[in-house]
């Protein structure tokens, strides 16, 4: 798979948390999504390949009356992406259930098994965000049993809450910035009067200021310029440097 060297490939999952900054790429894309998807459940442990959709994983856990993954039910992500960024929702992070992962070196092809303690999982981050030479292949999780009706109720509540707050009616790559300690990004941006602010076709969402939407055929350049403008405005007003949560390529 990596005989030409990893520098020749741009490796993606489902591309949900991604900003494409260029109009043209002269490198090939390797997309690990439905073609790299498989779920296995034994007792209260779930193992899945990195391309598995988090929605499918949540439904599989629900069907077996296993609780934990309902918090990721409405997060548009592959499992690999969720591990790499330590995805979270409603105060719950994926590291709380993770036992181990398998990885492959894109340089040597060596496959390695790692426990969660070895991969530096912190708020929306892991060692893999700075290691393009390592690819997550799969993950194993340990969940607890619960009443299926209660699990479903939480899934429904989480989805309704996200639908009411997030601008799903427009294309977007999710929450743009990591939350700085002690503050919330959306209210800061809103207080600066930037809701609805546009650069090119990219707009700060009127629904939630922590999101940038593609309002009118936005380019990657539009999105990046809007991000920079927001960062500069927040830094000037609050003295806070906002860190981008999304992957930019």
Protein backbone atom coordinates (compact mmCIF):
# COMPACT_ATOMS: atom_id res chain seq x y z
CA UNK A 1 0.00 0.00 0.00
CA UNK A 2 2.85 2.39 0.85
CA UNK A 3 5.49 1.21 -1.59
CA UNK A 4 5.93 4.69 -3.07
CA UNK A 5 6.41 6.28 0.34
CA UNK A 6 3.88 8.10 2.47
CA UNK A 7 4.88 11.51 1.13
CA UNK A 8 3.09 10.66 -2.13
CA UNK A 9 -0.27 10.04 -0.43
CA UNK A 10 -2.81 12.19 1.36
CA UNK A 11 -4.62 9.77 3.67
CA UNK A 12 -8.18 10.60 4.71
CA UNK A 13 -11.05 9.01 6.57
CA UNK A 14 -14.41 10.55 5.76
CA UNK A 15 -13.04 14.08 5.47
CA UNK A 16 -15.63 15.58 7.83
CA UNK A 17 -13.21 17.61 9.96
CA UNK A 18 -11.16 18.80 7.03
CA UNK A 19 -10.40 22.01 5.16
CA UNK A 20 -9.09 21.63 1.61
CA UNK A 21 -6.98 24.74 1.19
CA UNK A 22 -6.01 24.28 -2.46
CA UNK A 23 -7.89 24.19 -5.74
CA UNK A 24 -5.65 21.40 -7.06
CA UNK A 25 -3.51 18.67 -5.47
CA UNK A 26 -0.74 16.88 -7.34
CA UNK A 27 -0.69 14.00 -4.81
CA UNK A 28 -3.01 11.01 -4.68
CA UNK A 29 -5.67 10.62 -1.99
CA UNK A 30 -6.15 7.36 -0.09
CA UNK A 31 -9.64 7.40 1.46
CA UNK A 32 -10.33 4.91 4.24
CA UNK A 33 -14.10 4.94 4.71
CA UNK A 34 -16.69 2.33 3.68
CA UNK A 35 -14.02 0.21 2.00
CA UNK A 36 -12.22 -0.08 5.34
CA UNK A 37 -15.17 -0.64 7.66
CA UNK A 38 -15.88 -3.60 9.93
CA UNK A 39 -17.36 -4.03 13.43
CA UNK A 40 -16.92 -6.98 15.79
CA UNK A 41 -18.60 -7.26 19.21
CA UNK A 42 -17.65 -9.82 21.87
CA UNK A 43 -19.41 -9.42 25.22
CA UNK A 44 -18.93 -5.77 26.15
CA UNK A 45 -15.97 -5.11 23.84
CA UNK A 46 -16.25 -3.56 20.39
CA UNK A 47 -13.48 -3.64 17.79
CA UNK A 48 -13.73 -1.78 14.49
CA UNK A 49 -11.61 -0.77 11.52
CA UNK A 50 -10.63 2.86 11.22
CA UNK A 51 -12.92 3.62 8.28
CA UNK A 52 -16.03 2.65 10.22
CA UNK A 53 -18.64 5.39 10.49
CA UNK A 54 -19.26 6.52 14.08
CA UNK A 55 -22.99 6.44 13.38
CA UNK A 56 -22.79 2.74 12.47
CA UNK A 57 -20.65 2.05 15.52
CA UNK A 58 -23.17 3.79 17.78
CA UNK A 59 -26.07 1.81 16.32
CA UNK A 60 -24.15 -1.47 16.71
CA UNK A 61 -23.50 -0.70 20.38
CA UNK A 62 -27.13 0.27 20.93
CA UNK A 63 -28.34 -2.99 19.37
CA UNK A 64 -26.24 -4.90 21.92
CA UNK A 65 -27.42 -2.69 24.83
CA UNK A 66 -23.92 -1.26 25.31
CA UNK A 67 -23.62 2.33 26.51
CA UNK A 68 -20.96 4.89 25.69
CA UNK A 69 -21.05 5.32 21.94
CA UNK A 70 -24.45 7.02 21.95
CA UNK A 71 -22.53 10.23 22.75
CA UNK A 72 -20.90 9.98 19.31
CA UNK A 73 -24.09 8.99 17.49
CA UNK A 74 -24.41 12.31 15.68
CA UNK A 75 -20.72 13.08 15.15
CA UNK A 76 -19.89 12.85 11.42
CA UNK A 77 -16.58 11.01 11.58
CA UNK A 78 -14.77 7.80 10.87
CA UNK A 79 -13.45 5.88 13.86
CA UNK A 80 -9.87 6.64 12.89
CA UNK A 81 -10.54 10.36 12.79
CA UNK A 82 -12.38 10.20 16.11
CA UNK A 83 -9.36 8.52 17.73
CA UNK A 84 -6.83 10.89 16.18
CA UNK A 85 -8.66 13.96 17.51
CA UNK A 86 -10.01 12.33 20.68
CA UNK A 87 -13.54 13.24 19.62
CA UNK A 88 -15.98 14.28 22.28
CA UNK A 89 -19.58 15.26 22.87
CA UNK A 90 -21.55 16.37 25.92
CA UNK A 91 -18.44 16.26 28.07
CA UNK A 92 -17.62 12.65 27.08
CA UNK A 93 -14.42 11.82 25.15
CA UNK A 94 -13.65 8.69 23.16
CA UNK A 95 -10.55 8.01 25.29
CA UNK A 96 -12.88 7.06 28.17
CA UNK A 97 -13.80 3.82 26.37
CA UNK A 98 -10.68 3.10 24.32
CA UNK A 99 -8.55 0.10 25.33
CA UNK A 100 -6.09 -0.26 22.46
CA UNK A 101 -5.43 0.48 18.81
CA UNK A 102 -3.44 -0.97 15.95
CA UNK A 103 -1.35 1.26 13.71
CA UNK A 104 0.78 0.90 10.63
CA UNK A 105 3.93 2.79 9.72
CA UNK A 106 3.56 4.38 6.30
CA UNK A 107 7.36 4.25 6.00
CA UNK A 108 8.06 0.61 6.85
CA UNK A 109 4.67 -1.13 6.84
CA UNK A 110 5.22 -2.29 10.43
CA UNK A 111 1.99 -2.95 12.34
CA UNK A 112 1.97 -2.08 16.05
CA UNK A 113 -0.51 -2.49 18.88
CA UNK A 114 -0.72 0.40 21.37
CA UNK A 115 -2.71 0.98 24.54
CA UNK A 116 -4.50 4.28 25.00
CA UNK A 117 -1.87 5.38 27.53
CA UNK A 118 0.74 5.40 24.75
CA UNK A 119 -0.98 7.72 22.28
CA UNK A 120 -1.17 11.01 24.16
CA UNK A 121 -4.92 11.54 24.16
CA UNK A 122 -5.74 15.03 25.39
CA UNK A 123 -8.49 17.52 24.58
CA UNK A 124 -9.13 17.12 20.83
CA UNK A 125 -5.62 15.83 20.27
CA UNK A 126 -3.31 12.81 20.13
CA UNK A 127 0.24 12.07 19.05
CA UNK A 128 -1.03 11.23 15.56
CA UNK A 129 -1.79 14.83 14.73
CA UNK A 130 1.95 15.40 14.51
CA UNK A 131 2.86 11.99 13.10
CA UNK A 132 1.86 11.68 9.45
CA UNK A 133 4.02 8.56 9.23
CA UNK A 134 1.62 6.56 11.44
CA UNK A 135 -1.87 5.50 10.36
CA UNK A 136 -4.54 4.20 12.74
CA UNK A 137 -5.93 0.89 11.46
CA UNK A 138 -8.41 -0.13 14.17
CA UNK A 139 -9.54 0.40 17.74
CA UNK A 140 -10.90 -1.76 20.56
CA UNK A 141 -13.26 -0.33 23.16
CA UNK A 142 -14.77 -1.52 26.41
CA UNK A 143 -18.34 -0.42 27.12
CA UNK A 144 -20.88 -1.09 29.84
CA UNK A 145 -24.34 -2.60 29.59
CA UNK A 146 -27.43 -0.46 30.00
CA UNK A 147 -31.13 -0.43 29.19
CA UNK A 148 -31.66 -0.02 25.45
CA UNK A 149 -34.54 2.41 25.94
CA UNK A 150 -32.33 4.67 28.05
CA UNK A 151 -29.54 4.49 25.49
CA UNK A 152 -31.98 5.41 22.70
CA UNK A 153 -33.35 8.28 24.77
CA UNK A 154 -29.86 9.74 25.13
CA UNK A 155 -29.19 9.30 21.41
CA UNK A 156 -32.37 11.17 20.55
CA UNK A 157 -31.68 13.94 23.06
CA UNK A 158 -28.11 14.43 21.84
CA UNK A 159 -29.19 14.60 18.19
CA UNK A 160 -32.00 17.06 18.90
CA UNK A 161 -29.64 19.29 20.88
CA UNK A 162 -27.04 19.30 18.13
CA UNK A 163 -29.66 19.91 15.43
CA UNK A 164 -30.94 22.95 17.35
CA UNK A 165 -27.47 24.50 17.72
CA UNK A 166 -25.45 23.49 14.67
CA UNK A 167 -25.83 24.79 11.09
CA UNK A 168 -26.43 21.45 9.43
CA UNK A 169 -28.43 23.08 6.65
CA UNK A 170 -25.17 24.35 5.10
CA UNK A 171 -21.93 22.53 4.22
CA UNK A 172 -19.39 22.88 7.01
CA UNK A 173 -16.51 20.96 8.57
CA UNK A 174 -17.78 21.13 12.14
CA UNK A 175 -16.58 23.24 15.04
CA UNK A 176 -13.64 25.31 13.82
CA UNK A 177 -11.70 26.07 17.00
CA UNK A 178 -10.67 24.19 20.11
CA UNK A 179 -12.24 25.56 23.27
CA UNK A 180 -9.71 27.58 25.27
CA UNK A 181 -9.61 26.89 28.99
CA UNK A 182 -12.36 28.68 30.86
CA UNK A 183 -14.02 30.19 27.77
CA UNK A 184 -16.44 29.26 25.01
CA UNK A 185 -15.53 30.16 21.45
CA UNK A 186 -19.01 30.86 20.04
CA UNK A 187 -20.00 33.55 22.56
CA UNK A 188 -16.66 35.35 22.15
CA UNK A 189 -17.04 35.50 18.38
CA UNK A 190 -20.68 36.52 18.68
CA UNK A 191 -19.81 39.32 21.13
CA UNK A 192 -17.45 40.72 18.49
CA UNK A 193 -20.41 41.06 16.11
CA UNK A 194 -19.03 38.48 13.69
CA UNK A 195 -22.11 36.29 13.31
CA UNK A 196 -22.92 36.36 9.60
CA UNK A 197 -19.57 37.93 8.68
CA UNK A 198 -18.38 36.75 5.26
CA UNK A 199 -15.18 36.55 3.29
CA UNK A 200 -15.88 35.37 -0.22
CA UNK A 201 -18.37 32.52 0.04
CA UNK A 202 -17.41 31.56 3.62
CA UNK A 203 -19.56 32.83 6.48
CA UNK A 204 -19.55 32.75 10.26
CA UNK A 205 -22.76 30.87 10.96
CA UNK A 206 -25.77 32.89 12.12
CA UNK A 207 -26.83 29.83 14.10
CA UNK A 208 -23.57 29.14 15.96
CA UNK A 209 -20.59 31.47 15.71
CA UNK A 210 -18.16 28.61 16.32
CA UNK A 211 -18.93 27.25 12.85
CA UNK A 212 -17.92 28.50 9.41
CA UNK A 213 -20.32 27.52 6.66
CA UNK A 214 -20.00 27.37 2.90
CA UNK A 215 -22.71 29.92 2.13
CA UNK A 216 -21.92 30.55 -1.51
CA UNK A 217 -19.35 28.35 -3.26
CA UNK A 218 -16.60 29.14 -0.76
CA UNK A 219 -13.02 28.22 -1.57
CA UNK A 220 -10.48 26.90 0.90
CA UNK A 221 -8.79 30.30 0.65
CA UNK A 222 -12.02 32.01 1.73
CA UNK A 223 -12.32 29.75 4.77
CA UNK A 224 -8.69 30.21 5.83
CA UNK A 225 -8.88 33.99 5.48
CA UNK A 226 -12.04 34.04 7.60
CA UNK A 227 -10.36 31.85 10.22
CA UNK A 228 -7.39 34.22 10.34
CA UNK A 229 -9.67 37.24 10.68
CA UNK A 230 -11.53 35.62 13.58
CA UNK A 231 -8.26 34.66 15.29
CA UNK A 232 -6.89 38.18 14.97
CA UNK A 233 -10.13 39.72 16.26
CA UNK A 234 -10.33 37.39 19.28
CA UNK A 235 -6.64 37.91 20.07
CA UNK A 236 -7.04 41.69 19.91
CA UNK A 237 -10.15 41.78 22.12
CA UNK A 238 -9.53 38.95 24.57
CA UNK A 239 -5.82 38.20 24.37
CA UNK A 240 -6.65 34.58 23.50
CA UNK A 241 -5.03 32.66 20.64
CA UNK A 242 -7.64 30.37 19.13
CA UNK A 243 -6.30 27.02 17.92
CA UNK A 244 -7.91 25.46 14.85
CA UNK A 245 -9.48 22.08 15.55
CA UNK A 246 -9.87 21.06 11.93
CA UNK A 247 -7.20 19.49 9.75
CA UNK A 248 -5.94 21.78 6.98
CA UNK A 249 -4.32 20.28 3.91
